[in-house]
N, C-alpha and C. Protein backbone atom coordinates (compact mmCIF):
# COMPACT_ATOMS: atom_id res chain seq x y z
N MET A 1 0.74 -1.39 -0.06
CA MET A 1 -0.07 0.13 -0.14
C MET A 1 0.91 1.35 0.23
N GLU A 2 1.92 1.25 0.90
CA GLU A 2 2.98 2.35 0.89
C GLU A 2 3.52 2.49 -0.50
N ALA A 3 3.94 1.50 -1.22
CA ALA A 3 4.49 1.77 -2.51
C ALA A 3 3.39 2.03 -3.61
N ALA A 4 2.33 1.70 -3.40
CA ALA A 4 1.38 2.32 -4.33
C ALA A 4 1.12 3.82 -4.05
N ALA A 5 1.08 4.36 -2.90
CA ALA A 5 0.89 5.53 -2.65
C ALA A 5 2.44 6.54 -3.18
N LEU A 6 3.60 5.84 -3.08
CA LEU A 6 4.59 6.60 -3.50
C LEU A 6 4.58 6.63 -5.23
N PHE A 7 3.89 5.52 -5.68
CA PHE A 7 3.71 5.66 -7.19
C PHE A 7 2.52 6.49 -7.67
N SER A 8 1.54 6.83 -6.69
CA SER A 8 0.27 7.52 -7.00
C SER A 8 -0.19 6.55 -7.99
N ALA A 9 -0.34 5.16 -7.59
CA ALA A 9 -0.90 4.25 -8.34
C ALA A 9 -1.69 3.17 -7.46
N HIS A 10 -2.46 2.36 -8.03
CA HIS A 10 -3.49 1.35 -7.35
C HIS A 10 -2.53 0.23 -7.05
N ILE A 11 -2.86 -0.50 -6.14
CA ILE A 11 -1.72 -1.33 -5.41
C ILE A 11 -1.54 -2.49 -6.61
N TRP A 12 -2.67 -2.83 -7.46
CA TRP A 12 -2.21 -3.95 -8.59
C TRP A 12 -1.10 -3.21 -9.65
N ASP A 13 -1.04 -1.97 -9.61
CA ASP A 13 -0.07 -1.55 -10.56
C ASP A 13 1.27 -1.23 -10.32
N VAL A 14 1.60 -1.54 -8.93
CA VAL A 14 2.83 -1.53 -8.47
C VAL A 14 3.81 -2.17 -9.13
N PRO A 15 3.83 -3.38 -9.38
CA PRO A 15 4.65 -4.29 -10.04
C PRO A 15 5.18 -3.43 -11.42
N GLU A 16 4.01 -3.20 -12.32
CA GLU A 16 4.41 -2.38 -13.53
C GLU A 16 5.06 -1.34 -13.37
N GLN A 17 4.73 -0.39 -12.21
CA GLN A 17 5.53 0.77 -12.00
C GLN A 17 6.76 0.45 -11.42
N VAL A 18 7.20 -0.52 -10.71
CA VAL A 18 8.36 -0.88 -10.24
C VAL A 18 9.30 -1.22 -11.53
N ARG A 19 8.68 -1.92 -12.57
CA ARG A 19 9.36 -2.19 -13.80
C ARG A 19 9.94 -1.16 -14.54
N LYS A 20 8.83 -0.10 -14.73
CA LYS A 20 8.90 1.10 -15.36
C LYS A 20 10.17 1.94 -14.80
N SER A 21 10.19 1.91 -13.48
CA SER A 21 11.09 2.70 -12.79
C SER A 21 12.62 2.15 -13.09
N LEU A 22 12.85 0.74 -12.97
CA LEU A 22 13.89 0.09 -13.06
C LEU A 22 14.39 0.30 -14.41
N GLU A 23 13.66 0.37 -15.64
CA GLU A 23 14.04 0.61 -16.96
C GLU A 23 14.55 2.01 -17.13
N GLU A 24 13.81 2.91 -16.52
CA GLU A 24 14.19 4.38 -16.52
C GLU A 24 15.56 4.34 -15.98
N GLN A 25 15.69 3.74 -14.72
CA GLN A 25 16.99 3.96 -14.05
C GLN A 25 18.15 3.41 -15.04
N ARG A 26 17.85 2.19 -15.52
CA ARG A 26 18.85 1.60 -16.56
C ARG A 26 19.24 2.62 -17.53
N ALA A 27 18.44 3.01 -18.11
CA ALA A 27 18.53 3.99 -19.44
C ALA A 27 19.20 5.32 -18.76
N ALA A 28 18.95 5.89 -17.82
CA ALA A 28 19.64 6.91 -17.26
C ALA A 28 20.93 6.56 -16.96
N ARG A 29 21.22 5.34 -16.43
CA ARG A 29 22.82 5.20 -15.94
C ARG A 29 23.58 4.78 -17.30
N LYS A 30 22.95 4.25 -18.44
CA LYS A 30 23.60 4.25 -19.56
C LYS A 30 23.84 5.58 -20.30
N ASN A 31 22.75 6.55 -20.18
CA ASN A 31 23.05 7.69 -20.86
C ASN A 31 24.26 8.50 -20.03
N ALA A 32 24.16 8.50 -18.75
CA ALA A 32 25.33 8.89 -17.81
C ALA A 32 26.77 8.30 -18.43
N GLU A 33 26.69 7.06 -18.65
CA GLU A 33 27.88 6.46 -19.06
C GLU A 33 28.30 7.00 -20.30
N ASN A 34 27.50 7.14 -21.45
CA ASN A 34 27.81 7.66 -22.62
C ASN A 34 28.24 9.21 -22.50
N LEU A 35 27.43 9.91 -21.90
CA LEU A 35 28.24 11.19 -21.61
C LEU A 35 29.46 11.41 -21.03
N LEU A 36 29.86 10.51 -19.98
CA LEU A 36 31.06 10.34 -19.43
C LEU A 36 32.09 10.04 -20.38
N GLU A 37 31.93 9.23 -21.08
CA GLU A 37 32.65 8.71 -22.23
C GLU A 37 33.16 9.86 -23.10
N GLU A 38 32.01 10.60 -23.58
CA GLU A 38 32.23 11.96 -24.43
C GLU A 38 33.06 12.89 -23.69
N ILE A 39 32.76 13.28 -22.52
CA ILE A 39 33.53 14.08 -21.74
C ILE A 39 35.01 13.74 -21.70
N ALA A 40 35.23 12.42 -21.43
CA ALA A 40 36.64 12.14 -21.42
C ALA A 40 37.35 12.22 -22.68
N GLU A 41 36.67 11.86 -23.65
CA GLU A 41 37.13 12.02 -25.12
C GLU A 41 37.70 13.34 -25.52
N LEU A 42 36.63 14.27 -25.02
CA LEU A 42 36.85 15.73 -25.37
C LEU A 42 38.08 16.20 -24.48
N GLN A 43 38.00 15.88 -23.61
CA GLN A 43 39.16 16.43 -22.34
C GLN A 43 40.58 15.65 -22.96
N ALA A 44 40.42 14.46 -23.38
CA ALA A 44 41.85 13.88 -23.73
C ALA A 44 42.18 14.68 -25.23
N VAL A 45 41.39 15.09 -25.88
CA VAL A 45 41.66 15.76 -27.17
C VAL A 45 42.29 17.21 -26.78
N ARG A 46 41.75 17.60 -26.06
CA ARG A 46 42.17 19.02 -25.39
C ARG A 46 43.49 18.83 -24.83
N LEU A 47 43.69 18.14 -24.07
CA LEU A 47 44.95 17.87 -23.20
C LEU A 47 46.09 17.63 -24.24
N LEU A 48 45.95 16.66 -25.19
CA LEU A 48 46.86 16.21 -26.10
C LEU A 48 47.30 17.45 -27.05
N ALA A 49 46.18 18.18 -27.34
CA ALA A 49 46.64 19.40 -28.14
C ALA A 49 47.44 20.35 -27.48
N GLU A 50 47.14 20.79 -26.22
CA GLU A 50 47.93 21.68 -25.37
C GLU A 50 49.28 21.02 -24.78
N THR A 51 49.54 19.98 -24.81
CA THR A 51 50.67 19.26 -24.44
C THR A 51 51.76 19.01 -25.56
N SER A 52 52.79 19.86 -25.34
CA SER A 52 53.97 19.68 -26.36
C SER A 52 54.66 18.46 -26.17
N SER A 53 55.36 18.01 -27.33
CA SER A 53 56.17 16.63 -27.02
C SER A 53 57.79 17.10 -26.60
N ASP A 54 58.20 16.21 -25.60
CA ASP A 54 59.48 16.36 -24.84
C ASP A 54 60.19 15.04 -24.96
N SER A 55 61.20 15.00 -25.66
CA SER A 55 62.04 13.81 -26.02
C SER A 55 61.35 12.84 -26.60
N GLY A 56 60.30 13.25 -27.47
CA GLY A 56 59.44 12.22 -28.23
C GLY A 56 58.33 11.56 -27.61
N ARG A 57 57.98 12.26 -26.35
CA ARG A 57 56.83 11.77 -25.76
C ARG A 57 56.02 12.88 -25.14
N LYS A 58 54.61 12.86 -24.89
CA LYS A 58 53.99 13.68 -24.01
C LYS A 58 53.58 13.20 -22.77
N THR A 59 53.85 14.00 -21.77
CA THR A 59 53.68 13.62 -20.56
C THR A 59 52.68 14.38 -19.79
N ILE A 60 51.53 13.94 -19.43
CA ILE A 60 50.34 14.42 -18.97
C ILE A 60 50.27 14.37 -17.74
N VAL A 61 50.28 15.42 -16.77
CA VAL A 61 50.13 15.15 -15.19
C VAL A 61 49.11 16.25 -14.73
N ARG A 62 48.02 15.54 -14.16
CA ARG A 62 46.98 16.38 -13.87
C ARG A 62 46.25 15.84 -12.40
N VAL A 63 45.70 16.80 -11.56
CA VAL A 63 44.98 16.38 -10.46
C VAL A 63 43.26 17.02 -10.67
N PHE A 64 42.61 16.16 -10.66
CA PHE A 64 41.27 16.47 -10.73
C PHE A 64 40.24 16.66 -9.48
N ALA A 65 39.89 17.72 -9.07
CA ALA A 65 39.24 17.84 -7.83
C ALA A 65 37.70 17.41 -8.07
N ASP A 66 37.20 17.45 -9.12
CA ASP A 66 35.92 17.41 -9.50
C ASP A 66 35.51 16.15 -10.34
N ARG A 67 36.44 15.12 -10.18
CA ARG A 67 36.45 13.66 -10.97
C ARG A 67 36.77 12.72 -10.29
N ASP A 68 35.86 11.49 -10.54
CA ASP A 68 36.37 10.33 -9.60
C ASP A 68 37.43 9.41 -10.24
N LEU A 69 37.51 8.33 -9.72
CA LEU A 69 38.41 7.17 -10.18
C LEU A 69 38.03 6.63 -11.39
N ALA A 70 36.96 6.51 -11.88
CA ALA A 70 36.46 5.88 -13.10
C ALA A 70 36.62 6.97 -13.93
N PHE A 71 36.30 8.15 -13.92
CA PHE A 71 36.85 9.10 -15.01
C PHE A 71 38.25 9.16 -15.27
N ILE A 72 38.99 9.32 -14.32
CA ILE A 72 40.46 9.56 -14.79
C ILE A 72 40.87 8.16 -15.34
N ARG A 73 40.56 6.97 -14.91
CA ARG A 73 40.90 5.88 -15.56
C ARG A 73 40.46 5.93 -17.12
N LEU A 74 39.14 6.15 -17.53
CA LEU A 74 38.60 6.31 -18.79
C LEU A 74 39.41 7.38 -19.49
N LEU A 75 39.76 8.67 -18.75
CA LEU A 75 40.74 9.56 -19.54
C LEU A 75 42.05 8.97 -19.82
N ALA A 76 42.66 8.42 -18.75
CA ALA A 76 44.09 7.54 -19.18
C ALA A 76 43.80 6.69 -20.45
N GLN A 77 42.95 5.94 -20.55
CA GLN A 77 42.73 5.10 -21.51
C GLN A 77 42.67 5.96 -22.70
N LYS A 78 41.83 6.88 -22.98
CA LYS A 78 41.63 7.77 -24.24
C LYS A 78 43.01 8.31 -24.46
N LEU A 79 43.61 8.86 -23.75
CA LEU A 79 44.88 9.64 -23.94
C LEU A 79 45.98 8.77 -24.56
N THR A 80 45.91 7.63 -23.89
CA THR A 80 47.17 6.52 -24.27
C THR A 80 46.65 5.95 -25.74
N ARG A 81 45.67 5.80 -26.07
CA ARG A 81 44.92 5.29 -27.20
C ARG A 81 45.01 6.11 -28.50
N PHE A 82 44.74 7.55 -28.09
CA PHE A 82 44.90 8.46 -29.31
C PHE A 82 45.96 8.68 -29.94
N GLU A 83 47.16 8.72 -29.20
CA GLU A 83 48.50 8.96 -29.61
C GLU A 83 49.34 7.71 -28.95
N THR A 84 50.43 7.64 -29.77
CA THR A 84 51.42 6.32 -29.38
C THR A 84 52.56 6.84 -28.21
N ASN A 85 52.62 8.11 -28.03
CA ASN A 85 53.90 8.63 -27.33
C ASN A 85 53.29 9.23 -26.03
N VAL A 86 52.25 8.80 -25.23
CA VAL A 86 51.80 9.43 -24.14
C VAL A 86 52.05 8.75 -22.74
N VAL A 87 52.44 9.49 -21.89
CA VAL A 87 52.51 9.09 -20.44
C VAL A 87 51.45 9.90 -19.78
N ALA A 88 50.58 9.36 -18.95
CA ALA A 88 49.58 10.11 -18.25
C ALA A 88 49.68 9.72 -16.78
N LEU A 89 49.85 10.61 -16.01
CA LEU A 89 49.88 10.41 -14.42
C LEU A 89 48.71 11.17 -13.98
N LEU A 90 47.66 10.65 -13.58
CA LEU A 90 46.41 11.47 -13.32
C LEU A 90 45.95 11.11 -11.89
N ALA A 91 45.42 11.93 -11.17
CA ALA A 91 44.93 11.93 -9.85
C ALA A 91 43.63 12.41 -9.64
N SER A 92 42.75 11.96 -8.66
CA SER A 92 41.43 12.64 -8.28
C SER A 92 41.62 12.80 -6.73
N THR A 93 40.98 13.98 -6.47
CA THR A 93 41.00 14.23 -5.09
C THR A 93 39.39 14.11 -4.53
N SER A 94 38.46 13.76 -5.59
CA SER A 94 37.12 13.59 -5.38
C SER A 94 36.95 12.25 -4.45
N GLY A 95 36.52 12.40 -3.27
CA GLY A 95 36.35 11.18 -2.37
C GLY A 95 37.63 10.73 -1.85
N GLN A 96 38.05 9.53 -1.86
CA GLN A 96 39.42 9.18 -1.55
C GLN A 96 40.31 9.38 -2.85
N ALA A 97 41.45 9.70 -2.44
CA ALA A 97 42.46 10.11 -3.43
C ALA A 97 42.81 8.99 -4.23
N SER A 98 42.71 9.18 -5.53
CA SER A 98 43.10 7.98 -6.33
C SER A 98 44.08 8.37 -7.30
N LEU A 99 44.90 7.54 -7.96
CA LEU A 99 45.91 7.93 -8.95
C LEU A 99 45.75 6.84 -10.17
N VAL A 100 45.89 7.17 -11.28
CA VAL A 100 46.05 6.43 -12.56
C VAL A 100 47.21 6.87 -13.28
N PHE A 101 48.26 5.71 -13.55
CA PHE A 101 49.31 5.88 -14.23
C PHE A 101 49.21 5.30 -15.63
N ALA A 102 49.40 5.88 -16.63
CA ALA A 102 49.14 5.08 -17.99
C ALA A 102 50.30 5.56 -19.03
N GLN A 103 50.49 4.55 -19.95
CA GLN A 103 51.59 5.00 -21.03
C GLN A 103 50.68 4.22 -22.36
N SER A 104 51.21 4.91 -23.43
CA SER A 104 50.70 4.22 -24.79
C SER A 104 51.50 2.86 -24.83
N LYS A 105 50.96 1.88 -25.56
CA LYS A 105 51.39 0.61 -25.76
C LYS A 105 52.86 0.76 -26.49
N GLY A 106 53.90 0.32 -25.95
CA GLY A 106 55.14 0.25 -26.83
C GLY A 106 56.09 1.26 -26.05
N MET A 107 55.50 2.05 -25.02
CA MET A 107 56.55 2.87 -24.26
C MET A 107 57.38 2.00 -23.58
N PRO A 108 58.40 2.61 -23.08
CA PRO A 108 59.41 1.80 -22.18
C PRO A 108 59.40 1.85 -20.79
N PHE A 109 58.26 2.36 -20.12
CA PHE A 109 58.21 2.66 -18.85
C PHE A 109 57.52 1.66 -17.95
N ASP A 110 57.46 1.25 -16.84
CA ASP A 110 56.68 0.44 -16.07
C ASP A 110 55.64 1.23 -15.21
N MET A 111 54.49 1.43 -15.50
CA MET A 111 53.63 2.17 -14.73
C MET A 111 53.18 1.45 -13.41
N GLY A 112 53.16 0.11 -13.58
CA GLY A 112 52.89 -0.49 -12.19
C GLY A 112 53.86 -0.41 -11.13
N ALA A 113 55.20 -0.46 -11.45
CA ALA A 113 56.39 -0.11 -10.61
C ALA A 113 56.20 1.31 -10.01
N LEU A 114 56.15 1.95 -10.93
CA LEU A 114 56.19 3.45 -10.59
C LEU A 114 55.13 3.99 -9.55
N LEU A 115 53.75 3.36 -10.04
CA LEU A 115 52.50 3.50 -9.10
C LEU A 115 53.01 3.03 -7.70
N LYS A 116 53.48 1.83 -7.62
CA LYS A 116 53.89 1.36 -6.26
C LYS A 116 54.78 2.11 -5.47
N HIS A 117 55.89 2.87 -6.08
CA HIS A 117 56.81 3.49 -5.66
C HIS A 117 56.19 4.84 -5.00
N VAL A 118 55.32 5.37 -5.95
CA VAL A 118 54.69 6.67 -5.21
C VAL A 118 53.79 6.21 -4.02
N MET A 119 52.97 5.18 -4.32
CA MET A 119 52.06 4.86 -3.11
C MET A 119 52.67 4.68 -1.97
N ALA A 120 53.77 3.95 -2.05
CA ALA A 120 54.77 3.74 -0.79
C ALA A 120 55.12 4.92 -0.11
N GLY A 121 55.00 6.14 -0.95
CA GLY A 121 55.70 7.37 -0.30
C GLY A 121 54.24 8.08 0.41
N LEU A 122 53.13 7.64 -0.28
CA LEU A 122 51.80 8.49 0.08
C LEU A 122 51.09 7.35 1.25
N GLY A 123 51.70 6.26 1.55
CA GLY A 123 50.92 5.28 2.36
C GLY A 123 49.59 4.82 1.69
N GLY A 124 49.69 4.61 0.66
CA GLY A 124 48.71 3.85 -0.09
C GLY A 124 48.74 2.70 -0.67
N ARG A 125 48.01 2.24 -1.47
CA ARG A 125 48.15 0.83 -2.08
C ARG A 125 47.63 0.80 -3.59
N GLY A 126 48.31 0.28 -4.49
CA GLY A 126 47.69 0.11 -5.78
C GLY A 126 48.73 -0.90 -6.64
N GLY A 127 48.34 -1.20 -7.89
CA GLY A 127 49.06 -2.03 -8.75
C GLY A 127 48.69 -1.96 -10.28
N GLY A 128 49.09 -2.80 -10.93
CA GLY A 128 48.59 -2.61 -12.50
C GLY A 128 49.71 -3.40 -13.20
N SER A 129 49.66 -3.15 -14.39
CA SER A 129 50.47 -3.60 -15.45
C SER A 129 51.57 -2.71 -15.82
N LYS A 130 52.23 -3.00 -16.85
CA LYS A 130 53.19 -2.11 -17.31
C LYS A 130 52.74 -0.78 -17.98
N ASP A 131 51.64 -1.05 -18.63
CA ASP A 131 50.91 0.15 -19.24
C ASP A 131 49.87 0.89 -18.51
N MET A 132 49.36 0.35 -17.64
CA MET A 132 48.36 1.00 -16.81
C MET A 132 48.18 0.63 -15.22
N ALA A 133 48.34 1.47 -14.51
CA ALA A 133 48.17 1.10 -12.94
C ALA A 133 47.24 2.15 -12.39
N GLN A 134 46.65 1.54 -11.02
CA GLN A 134 45.71 2.53 -10.49
C GLN A 134 46.03 2.11 -8.84
N GLY A 135 45.65 3.31 -8.20
CA GLY A 135 45.72 3.06 -6.51
C GLY A 135 45.02 4.07 -5.79
N GLY A 136 44.93 3.88 -4.65
CA GLY A 136 44.48 5.00 -3.72
C GLY A 136 45.25 5.24 -2.44
N ALA A 137 45.15 6.45 -2.01
CA ALA A 137 46.00 7.14 -0.86
C ALA A 137 44.74 7.41 0.22
N PRO A 138 45.31 7.31 1.64
CA PRO A 138 44.43 7.70 2.50
C PRO A 138 44.26 9.17 2.70
N THR A 139 44.93 10.03 1.86
CA THR A 139 44.76 11.38 2.13
C THR A 139 45.39 12.11 0.72
N THR A 140 45.10 13.28 0.61
CA THR A 140 45.46 14.02 -0.65
C THR A 140 46.64 14.81 -0.38
N VAL A 141 46.91 14.71 0.96
CA VAL A 141 48.21 15.54 1.24
C VAL A 141 49.50 15.12 0.67
N GLY A 142 50.24 15.61 -0.07
CA GLY A 142 51.31 15.33 -0.58
C GLY A 142 51.15 14.62 -2.21
N LEU A 143 49.79 14.62 -2.52
CA LEU A 143 49.72 14.04 -3.94
C LEU A 143 50.26 14.74 -5.13
N GLU A 144 50.02 16.18 -5.19
CA GLU A 144 50.65 16.75 -6.52
C GLU A 144 52.12 16.76 -6.22
N ALA A 145 52.86 16.89 -5.14
CA ALA A 145 54.13 16.85 -4.99
C ALA A 145 54.74 15.33 -5.47
N ALA A 146 54.04 14.33 -5.09
CA ALA A 146 54.29 12.88 -5.65
C ALA A 146 54.29 12.84 -6.95
N LEU A 147 53.34 13.43 -7.61
CA LEU A 147 52.88 13.20 -9.06
C LEU A 147 54.18 14.18 -9.78
N GLN A 148 54.48 15.20 -9.17
CA GLN A 148 55.61 16.01 -10.03
C GLN A 148 56.90 15.24 -9.83
N ALA A 149 57.21 14.57 -8.71
CA ALA A 149 58.48 14.11 -8.43
C ALA A 149 58.38 12.55 -9.44
N ALA A 150 57.06 12.15 -9.73
CA ALA A 150 57.29 10.87 -10.40
C ALA A 150 57.44 11.37 -11.89
N THR A 151 57.35 12.59 -12.18
CA THR A 151 57.65 12.74 -13.67
C THR A 151 59.06 12.79 -14.05
N GLY A 152 59.90 12.94 -13.00
CA GLY A 152 61.33 12.79 -13.07
C GLY A 152 61.69 11.58 -13.59
N ASN A 153 61.05 10.52 -13.73
CA ASN A 153 61.34 9.12 -14.17
C ASN A 153 61.32 9.09 -15.71
N PHE A 154 60.74 10.18 -16.39
CA PHE A 154 60.46 10.35 -17.76
C PHE A 154 61.64 11.10 -18.25
N SER A 155 62.48 11.91 -17.66
CA SER A 155 63.35 12.91 -18.09
C SER A 155 64.58 12.18 -18.50
N ARG A 156 64.87 10.85 -18.35
CA ARG A 156 66.04 10.15 -18.85
C ARG A 156 65.89 9.84 -20.23
């Protein structure tokens, strides 16, 4: 009866109203995922256009205060797939501090090892592969400095 009142429907119509609500929720979630994908793609194109190549590679280092781990992971994927010479060191301070390190396939670095090294200094945990790694830190303190220090690994 309470569900019927919430839907402003007769009690016999509640199952149909629940099905309709679930379908609308799924459609809204899918729409939000598509929009996030578009935003990540546009952001990647913009970042790549404004980043100059140094020693044959583009190193992109950014901290996002208004984006979560899912977004920075998606952005890292876009950045490293659009061009073959990209290293991306991305972080999010929205919620728990999160980091994603990625490189285009064929680049010579080890993002998993670099992330573990950075996480040790931040008191966090993480891991991944040679081309992409992610982790979380208990606090945002020192996050930007750690990212800047990590860029020193690419000046060789």
